Protein backbone atom coordinates (compact mmCIF):
# COMPACT_ATOMS: atom_id res chain seq x y z
CA UNK A 1 -162.02 182.62 36.11
CA UNK A 2 -163.57 185.52 37.81
CA UNK A 3 -163.73 186.19 41.55
CA UNK A 4 -166.73 187.36 43.28
CA UNK A 5 -166.18 189.60 46.33
CA UNK A 6 -168.59 190.68 49.04
CA UNK A 7 -168.39 193.46 51.57
CA UNK A 8 -168.55 192.48 55.28
CA UNK A 9 -169.42 194.44 58.34
CA UNK A 10 -170.59 193.17 61.75
CA UNK A 11 -172.43 194.74 64.71
CA UNK A 12 -169.99 195.80 67.47
CA UNK A 13 -172.55 196.20 70.26
CA UNK A 14 -172.55 193.76 73.24
CA UNK A 15 -175.36 193.05 75.69
CA UNK A 16 -175.44 194.43 79.16
CA UNK A 17 -176.59 191.56 81.35
CA UNK A 18 -177.19 191.59 85.03
CA UNK A 19 -176.77 188.72 87.56
CA UNK A 20 -179.67 188.83 89.97
CA UNK A 21 -180.64 186.77 92.86
CA UNK A 22 -183.96 184.91 92.44
CA UNK A 23 -186.86 186.86 93.79
CA UNK A 24 -188.88 185.42 96.67
CA UNK A 25 -191.17 182.61 95.60
CA UNK A 26 -194.65 183.83 94.84
CA UNK A 27 -197.69 181.99 96.16
CA UNK A 28 -199.04 179.72 93.46
CA UNK A 29 -201.77 177.23 93.04
CA UNK A 30 -200.29 173.80 92.69
CA UNK A 31 -200.03 172.39 89.27
CA UNK A 32 -202.69 169.92 88.19
CA UNK A 33 -201.32 166.57 87.26
CA UNK A 34 -201.59 165.72 83.62
CA UNK A 35 -200.20 163.08 81.32
CA UNK A 36 -199.99 165.69 78.56
CA UNK A 37 -197.32 168.18 78.09
CA UNK A 38 -197.43 171.70 76.98
CA UNK A 39 -194.91 173.50 74.76
CA UNK A 40 -193.20 176.81 74.94
CA UNK A 41 -190.91 178.69 72.51
CA UNK A 42 -189.55 182.19 71.94
CA UNK A 43 -186.51 184.49 71.72
CA UNK A 44 -184.33 186.08 74.20
CA UNK A 45 -183.66 189.80 73.52
CA UNK A 46 -180.81 191.63 75.31
CA UNK A 47 -181.11 195.34 76.58
CA UNK A 48 -179.84 196.71 73.28
CA UNK A 49 -182.85 195.16 71.49
CA UNK A 50 -180.78 192.51 69.74
CA UNK A 51 -181.14 188.69 69.96
CA UNK A 52 -179.12 187.24 72.89
CA UNK A 53 -177.49 183.90 71.79
CA UNK A 54 -176.42 181.36 74.33
CA UNK A 55 -177.36 180.48 77.90
CA UNK A 56 -180.64 178.80 79.02
CA UNK A 57 -184.26 179.55 79.61
CA UNK A 58 -185.81 177.65 82.54
CA UNK A 59 -189.16 177.17 84.04
CA UNK A 60 -189.41 177.27 87.83
CA UNK A 61 -192.22 176.73 90.21
CA UNK A 62 -190.55 178.58 93.20
CA UNK A 63 -189.47 181.88 91.58
CA UNK A 64 -186.21 180.68 90.26
CA UNK A 65 -184.71 178.74 93.21
CA UNK A 66 -185.40 175.44 91.60
CA UNK A 67 -185.15 175.12 87.77
CA UNK A 68 -187.78 172.44 86.81
CA UNK A 69 -187.48 172.62 82.98
CA UNK A 70 -184.43 174.03 81.14
CA UNK A 71 -184.03 174.68 77.48
CA UNK A 72 -180.84 175.82 75.64
CA UNK A 73 -180.86 179.13 73.79
CA UNK A 74 -179.37 178.93 70.30
CA UNK A 75 -177.00 181.45 68.61
CA UNK A 76 -179.97 183.40 67.31
CA UNK A 77 -181.55 183.81 70.77
CA UNK A 78 -184.26 181.31 70.11
CA UNK A 79 -185.41 178.46 72.54
CA UNK A 80 -188.14 175.93 72.63
CA UNK A 81 -189.10 172.84 74.78
CA UNK A 82 -191.80 170.92 76.61
CA UNK A 83 -193.07 171.16 80.16
CA UNK A 84 -195.86 169.98 82.39
CA UNK A 85 -198.93 172.20 82.55
CA UNK A 86 -198.78 174.70 85.33
CA UNK A 87 -197.94 178.28 86.25
CA UNK A 88 -194.14 179.06 86.19
CA UNK A 89 -191.62 181.77 86.47
CA UNK A 90 -189.44 182.00 83.29
CA UNK A 91 -185.72 182.31 84.19
CA UNK A 92 -182.92 183.34 81.81
CA UNK A 93 -179.37 182.52 82.69
CA UNK A 94 -176.28 183.37 80.54
CA UNK A 95 -173.50 180.91 80.14
CA UNK A 96 -171.45 182.70 82.74
CA UNK A 97 -174.18 183.54 85.26
CA UNK A 98 -173.02 182.43 88.74
CA UNK A 99 -174.63 179.46 90.47
CA UNK A 100 -177.80 180.70 92.26
CA UNK A 101 -178.18 183.83 90.19
CA UNK A 102 -180.19 184.85 87.07
CA UNK A 103 -180.17 187.41 84.45
CA UNK A 104 -183.85 187.92 84.09
CA UNK A 105 -187.21 186.48 85.24
CA UNK A 106 -190.84 186.71 84.23
CA UNK A 107 -193.59 185.56 86.42
CA UNK A 108 -197.01 184.06 85.53
CA UNK A 109 -195.99 181.88 82.60
CA UNK A 110 -198.88 179.41 82.05
CA UNK A 111 -198.23 176.12 80.31
CA UNK A 112 -201.29 174.43 78.89
CA UNK A 113 -201.53 170.83 77.82
CA UNK A 114 -201.44 170.37 74.12
CA UNK A 115 -200.64 174.08 73.45
CA UNK A 116 -197.51 175.89 72.34
CA UNK A 117 -196.83 179.20 74.24
CA UNK A 118 -195.02 181.96 72.24
CA UNK A 119 -193.14 183.68 75.02
CA UNK A 120 -190.10 185.99 74.46
CA UNK A 121 -187.85 187.33 77.21
CA UNK A 122 -187.33 190.92 76.07
CA UNK A 123 -184.82 192.50 78.37
CA UNK A 124 -185.17 195.90 76.47
CA UNK A 125 -188.46 196.30 78.47
CA UNK A 126 -188.57 199.25 80.87
CA UNK A 127 -188.99 197.40 84.10
CA UNK A 128 -185.66 195.54 83.38
CA UNK A 129 -183.87 198.82 82.50
CA UNK A 130 -185.21 200.49 85.61
CA UNK A 131 -183.20 197.86 87.72
CA UNK A 132 -179.91 198.88 86.20
CA UNK A 133 -177.46 201.06 88.01
CA UNK A 134 -176.76 204.59 86.53
CA UNK A 135 -173.45 203.42 85.21
CA UNK A 136 -175.04 200.36 83.49
CA UNK A 137 -177.62 202.56 82.03
CA UNK A 138 -174.89 204.88 80.59
CA UNK A 139 -173.16 201.81 79.11
CA UNK A 140 -176.37 200.65 77.65
CA UNK A 141 -177.11 204.07 76.04
CA UNK A 142 -173.69 204.02 74.40
CA UNK A 143 -174.03 200.49 73.14
CA UNK A 144 -177.49 201.34 71.70
CA UNK A 145 -175.94 204.27 69.79
CA UNK A 146 -173.21 202.06 68.52
CA UNK A 147 -175.62 199.45 67.57
CA UNK A 148 -177.84 201.93 65.70
CA UNK A 149 -174.82 203.13 63.71
CA UNK A 150 -173.69 199.49 63.07
CA UNK A 151 -177.20 198.64 61.87
CA UNK A 152 -177.28 201.47 59.41
CA UNK A 153 -173.88 200.53 58.20
CA UNK A 154 -174.95 196.86 57.81
CA UNK A 155 -178.10 197.90 55.86
CA UNK A 156 -175.80 199.85 53.48
CA UNK A 157 -173.48 196.80 53.20
CA UNK A 158 -176.37 194.51 52.52
CA UNK A 159 -177.51 196.82 49.68
CA UNK A 160 -174.06 197.00 48.20
CA UNK A 161 -173.61 193.24 48.30
CA UNK A 162 -177.05 192.86 46.48
CA UNK A 163 -175.71 195.22 43.81
CA UNK A 164 -172.36 193.24 43.56
CA UNK A 165 -174.29 189.96 43.11
CA UNK A 166 -176.25 191.76 40.16
CA UNK A 167 -172.86 192.83 38.77
CA UNK A 168 -171.65 189.24 38.94
CA UNK A 169 -174.68 188.03 37.04
CA UNK A 170 -174.16 190.94 34.46
CA UNK A 171 -170.65 189.73 33.91
CA UNK A 172 -171.84 186.12 33.38
CA UNK A 173 -174.31 187.44 30.81
CA UNK A 174 -171.55 189.36 29.03
CA UNK A 175 -169.51 186.16 28.72
CA UNK A 176 -172.55 184.44 27.26
CA UNK A 177 -173.57 187.31 24.94
CA UNK A 178 -172.79 185.51 21.72
CA UNK A 179 -174.82 182.50 22.76
CA UNK A 180 -177.79 184.63 23.81
CA UNK A 181 -177.58 186.54 20.52
CA UNK A 182 -177.65 183.29 18.50
CA UNK A 183 -180.59 181.96 20.51
CA UNK A 184 -182.60 185.15 20.05
CA UNK A 185 -182.04 185.55 16.41
CA UNK A 186 -182.14 181.94 15.30
CA UNK A 187 -179.88 179.81 13.07
CA UNK A 188 -180.46 181.83 9.94
CA UNK A 189 -179.28 185.17 11.33
CA UNK A 190 -176.50 186.84 9.35
CA UNK A 191 -173.01 187.56 10.97
CA UNK A 192 -173.82 191.36 10.89
CA UNK A 193 -177.09 190.90 12.70
CA UNK A 194 -175.46 188.57 15.29
CA UNK A 195 -172.63 191.09 15.75
CA UNK A 196 -175.16 193.90 16.22
CA UNK A 197 -177.15 191.85 18.81
CA UNK A 198 -174.04 190.96 20.72
CA UNK A 199 -173.00 194.64 20.92
CA UNK A 200 -176.58 195.52 22.04
CA UNK A 201 -176.51 192.91 24.78
CA UNK A 202 -172.99 194.03 25.97
CA UNK A 203 -173.86 197.82 25.90
CA UNK A 204 -176.87 197.06 28.12
CA UNK A 205 -174.97 195.03 30.60
CA UNK A 206 -172.03 197.45 30.85
CA UNK A 207 -174.57 200.26 31.20
CA UNK A 208 -176.33 198.48 34.04
CA UNK A 209 -173.12 197.83 35.87
CA UNK A 210 -172.00 201.43 35.44
CA UNK A 211 -175.33 202.73 36.74
CA UNK A 212 -175.15 200.46 39.88
CA UNK A 213 -171.49 201.24 40.68
CA UNK A 214 -171.90 204.97 40.05
CA UNK A 215 -174.61 205.02 42.72
CA UNK A 216 -172.63 202.72 45.12
CA UNK A 217 -169.35 204.65 44.86
CA UNK A 218 -171.40 207.65 45.90
CA UNK A 219 -172.76 205.74 48.89
CA UNK A 220 -169.44 204.25 49.97
CA UNK A 221 -166.68 206.09 48.16
CA UNK A 222 -163.91 204.36 50.31
CA UNK A 223 -164.59 200.82 48.98
CA UNK A 224 -162.06 199.93 46.34
CA UNK A 225 -164.08 197.01 44.94
CA UNK A 226 -166.96 199.20 43.87
CA UNK A 227 -164.40 201.40 41.87
CA UNK A 228 -162.89 198.31 40.24
CA UNK A 229 -166.28 197.39 38.94
CA UNK A 230 -167.13 200.90 37.84
CA UNK A 231 -163.82 200.84 35.80
CA UNK A 232 -164.68 197.57 34.28
CA UNK A 233 -168.10 198.97 33.11
CA UNK A 234 -166.49 202.26 31.86
CA UNK A 235 -163.79 200.30 29.99
CA UNK A 236 -166.54 198.11 28.36
CA UNK A 237 -168.30 201.24 27.15
CA UNK A 238 -164.90 202.58 25.92
CA UNK A 239 -164.92 205.42 28.38
CA UNK A 240 -161.26 204.93 28.78
CA UNK A 241 -160.27 208.13 30.64
CA UNK A 242 -163.06 207.51 33.24
CA UNK A 243 -162.11 203.88 33.56
CA UNK A 244 -158.47 204.68 34.18
CA UNK A 245 -159.45 207.21 36.92
CA UNK A 246 -161.64 204.62 38.54
CA UNK A 247 -159.01 201.94 38.47
CA UNK A 248 -156.47 204.33 39.92
CA UNK A 249 -158.85 205.32 42.65
CA UNK A 250 -159.33 201.71 43.55
CA UNK A 251 -155.50 201.16 43.68
CA UNK A 252 -155.06 204.21 45.96
CA UNK A 253 -157.80 203.13 48.38
CA UNK A 254 -156.68 199.45 48.51
CA UNK A 255 -153.06 200.21 48.78
CA UNK A 256 -153.67 202.47 51.71
CA UNK A 257 -155.83 200.09 53.71
CA UNK A 258 -154.48 198.26 56.76
CA UNK A 259 -154.93 194.89 55.09
CA UNK A 260 -154.85 195.33 51.39
CA UNK A 261 -156.72 192.68 49.35
CA UNK A 262 -154.11 191.70 46.78
CA UNK A 263 -156.75 190.13 44.51
CA UNK A 264 -158.51 193.50 44.27
CA UNK A 265 -155.13 195.17 43.47
CA UNK A 266 -154.59 192.55 40.85
CA UNK A 267 -157.92 193.17 39.14
CA UNK A 268 -157.42 196.96 39.15
CA UNK A 269 -153.95 196.70 37.56
CA UNK A 270 -155.24 194.18 35.00
CA UNK A 271 -158.02 196.51 34.14
CA UNK A 272 -155.51 199.34 33.55
CA UNK A 273 -153.39 196.90 31.49
CA UNK A 274 -156.26 196.12 29.10
CA UNK A 275 -157.05 199.76 28.50
CA UNK A 276 -153.44 200.58 27.80
CA UNK A 277 -153.15 197.58 25.48
CA UNK A 278 -156.11 198.56 23.61
CA UNK A 279 -154.74 202.10 23.30
CA UNK A 280 -151.42 200.87 21.84
CA UNK A 281 -149.52 201.86 25.01
CA UNK A 282 -147.28 198.84 25.16
CA UNK A 283 -144.89 199.83 28.04
CA UNK A 284 -147.78 200.97 30.25
CA UNK A 285 -149.73 197.87 29.44
CA UNK A 286 -146.80 195.61 30.32
CA UNK A 287 -146.12 197.41 33.60
CA UNK A 288 -149.71 197.19 34.67
CA UNK A 289 -149.99 193.45 33.82
CA UNK A 290 -146.79 192.74 35.55
CA UNK A 291 -148.04 194.52 38.62
CA UNK A 292 -151.28 192.52 38.45
CA UNK A 293 -149.32 189.33 38.33
CA UNK A 294 -147.01 190.30 41.12
CA UNK A 295 -149.99 191.29 43.35
CA UNK A 296 -152.04 188.18 42.87
CA UNK A 297 -149.74 185.30 41.74
CA UNK A 298 -152.69 182.92 41.78
CA UNK A 299 -154.29 184.76 38.82
CA UNK A 300 -150.91 185.63 37.15
CA UNK A 301 -151.39 183.09 34.35
CA UNK A 302 -154.90 184.49 33.70
CA UNK A 303 -153.68 188.01 33.56
CA UNK A 304 -150.76 187.39 31.25
CA UNK A 305 -152.82 185.23 28.96
CA UNK A 306 -155.43 188.01 28.75
CA UNK A 307 -152.57 190.51 27.92
CA UNK A 308 -151.47 188.33 24.90
CA UNK A 309 -155.04 187.84 23.78
CA UNK A 310 -155.85 191.68 23.94
CA UNK A 311 -152.64 192.46 21.93
CA UNK A 312 -153.73 189.88 19.41
CA UNK A 313 -157.16 191.27 19.10
CA UNK A 314 -155.62 194.64 18.43
CA UNK A 315 -153.27 193.22 15.80
CA UNK A 316 -150.18 194.42 17.72
CA UNK A 317 -147.89 191.74 16.39
CA UNK A 318 -144.70 192.46 18.23
CA UNK A 319 -146.54 193.01 21.51
CA UNK A 320 -148.68 189.95 21.30
CA UNK A 321 -145.74 187.69 20.61
CA UNK A 322 -143.78 189.14 23.54
CA UNK A 323 -146.68 189.04 25.83
CA UNK A 324 -147.44 185.35 24.84
CA UNK A 325 -143.73 184.61 25.60
CA UNK A 326 -143.95 185.98 29.09
CA UNK A 327 -147.29 184.09 29.72
CA UNK A 328 -145.69 180.83 28.50
CA UNK A 329 -142.92 181.19 31.06
CA UNK A 330 -145.41 180.82 33.98
CA UNK A 331 -147.88 178.53 32.15
CA UNK A 332 -146.28 176.56 29.41
CA UNK A 333 -149.23 174.20 28.70
CA UNK A 334 -151.75 176.63 27.27
CA UNK A 335 -151.89 175.97 23.51
CA UNK A 336 -153.56 179.36 22.66
CA UNK A 337 -150.35 181.08 23.79
CA UNK A 338 -148.26 179.34 21.27
CA UNK A 339 -150.74 180.13 18.45
CA UNK A 340 -150.78 183.83 19.58
CA UNK A 341 -146.98 183.89 19.67
CA UNK A 342 -146.82 182.31 16.23
CA UNK A 343 -149.33 184.83 14.83
CA UNK A 344 -147.35 187.73 16.14
CA UNK A 345 -144.09 186.22 14.63
CA UNK A 346 -145.58 185.31 11.33
CA UNK A 347 -146.01 188.88 10.37
CA UNK A 348 -142.20 188.90 9.93
CA UNK A 349 -142.20 186.02 7.44
CA UNK A 350 -140.59 186.71 4.06
CA UNK A 351 -140.93 184.97 0.70
CA UNK A 352 -137.96 182.99 -0.76
CA UNK A 353 -137.59 184.49 -4.28
CA UNK A 354 -136.37 181.23 -5.71
CA UNK A 355 -138.87 178.73 -4.32
CA UNK A 356 -141.64 181.25 -3.58
CA UNK A 357 -142.05 179.48 -0.30
CA UNK A 358 -142.91 181.36 2.97
CA UNK A 359 -139.80 181.71 5.22
CA UNK A 360 -140.94 181.65 8.79
CA UNK A 361 -138.86 183.05 11.63
CA UNK A 362 -137.38 180.00 13.79
CA UNK A 363 -139.37 180.87 16.80
CA UNK A 364 -142.52 181.05 14.79
CA UNK A 365 -142.01 177.42 13.59
CA UNK A 366 -141.36 176.28 17.05
CA UNK A 367 -144.43 178.00 18.38
CA UNK A 368 -146.70 176.48 15.73
CA UNK A 369 -145.32 173.12 16.09
CA UNK A 370 -145.82 173.34 19.97
CA UNK A 371 -149.46 174.49 19.34
CA UNK A 372 -150.09 171.40 17.20
CA UNK A 373 -148.46 169.19 19.79
CA UNK A 374 -150.74 170.52 22.58
CA UNK A 375 -153.97 170.87 20.52
CA UNK A 376 -153.72 168.64 17.48
CA UNK A 377 -157.50 168.97 16.99
CA UNK A 378 -157.59 172.66 18.31
CA UNK A 379 -159.61 175.45 16.72
CA UNK A 380 -156.53 176.69 14.78
CA UNK A 381 -154.92 173.39 13.88
CA UNK A 382 -155.82 173.39 10.28
CA UNK A 383 -154.63 177.00 9.94
CA UNK A 384 -151.29 176.42 11.57
CA UNK A 385 -150.70 173.16 9.66
CA UNK A 386 -151.53 175.01 6.41
CA UNK A 387 -148.90 177.77 7.17
CA UNK A 388 -146.23 175.19 8.07
CA UNK A 389 -146.90 173.28 4.91
CA UNK A 390 -146.61 176.34 2.84
CA UNK A 391 -143.28 177.00 4.41
CA UNK A 392 -142.18 173.45 3.63
CA UNK A 393 -142.03 172.46 7.30
CA UNK A 394 -142.87 168.96 8.54
CA UNK A 395 -146.29 168.83 10.29
CA UNK A 396 -146.45 167.08 13.63
CA UNK A 397 -147.50 163.50 13.16
CA UNK A 398 -150.26 163.87 15.86
CA UNK A 399 -152.11 166.38 13.75
CA UNK A 400 -154.86 165.01 11.48
CA UNK A 401 -156.37 167.24 8.93
CA UNK A 402 -160.12 168.00 9.14
CA UNK A 403 -162.21 166.26 6.48
CA UNK A 404 -163.45 169.62 5.34
CA UNK A 405 -159.99 170.64 4.29
């Protein structure tokens, strides 16, 4: 299971809205009666130049004193509705605008039967700004500055999130590298060719992630998640020193934040644990994986399982048996852990000089038997049963030998 994270940032600017009395009613030609209705739609823009959500847009025939047709403004500032043909004043009122007041008005709005008028209410227009007091204008200038900075930051965050989505896809492609290689080379490909193709695919994906995250850590060096992904790619390319530095950078940043994301801390520690395990640094690996499990208990079974698997891959028998034992304590129903534990212990098996049978350590027998109990048809069932039989041990009755054996 992998977690996908995104970076989030929101605009901090708030609109400056005035409450104005309706202007005197303009002289208008009376509306012509019609059985047909016209339509109107548009968007309300606040003085900062951003959409203004909430409130209402109304059409008035007397300059805003009477609201003849009223339409709600949605959260994105958009409104739409129908009205009888005629010439109106468009009135915008916020949700908290006092009775008899308005925020803005636009005269000369003509509704035509059978037509849909596109009419925005843009309060960033100069004549609206001119009606503000000097203090309100100063507030608006400050908000525009804040908004500009927030928009730039959001553009960066959007770009970073796009890269993180690309990294997530690359990780899925890494998981599926074996299947992709088999599909590309066909059923007659040799193991050597398949292994070479898998390595080629993985190298390309790790390199892509490294390139994206090197760029992004330069753009936003204070984001721990980017450093975690950079460390992941560097570790995949076996640039272990650089990967360790990236993971430690992530840990320093996240640990110092006001609200540390424990899942990110867990991933960084697990990344360090894998590197140390592959380097044969058992105490360091154990400490890193323990820290990962402590930081993110939800993923603790995954972290400790991976520790056992990596020690198994590295043929570190004592470490793999011990790691599997720790993982079993918190998740005793994963059959693979008992196989790994057994494989770690079987290295200590001896040969009885009299019977020439394999003498397995007691814990090894128990681990193998538990594996067969949990996975009688598992991938390693025949291998485990064969080892037990060679040792003269009784094989679980739930195990059935494959027909090919």
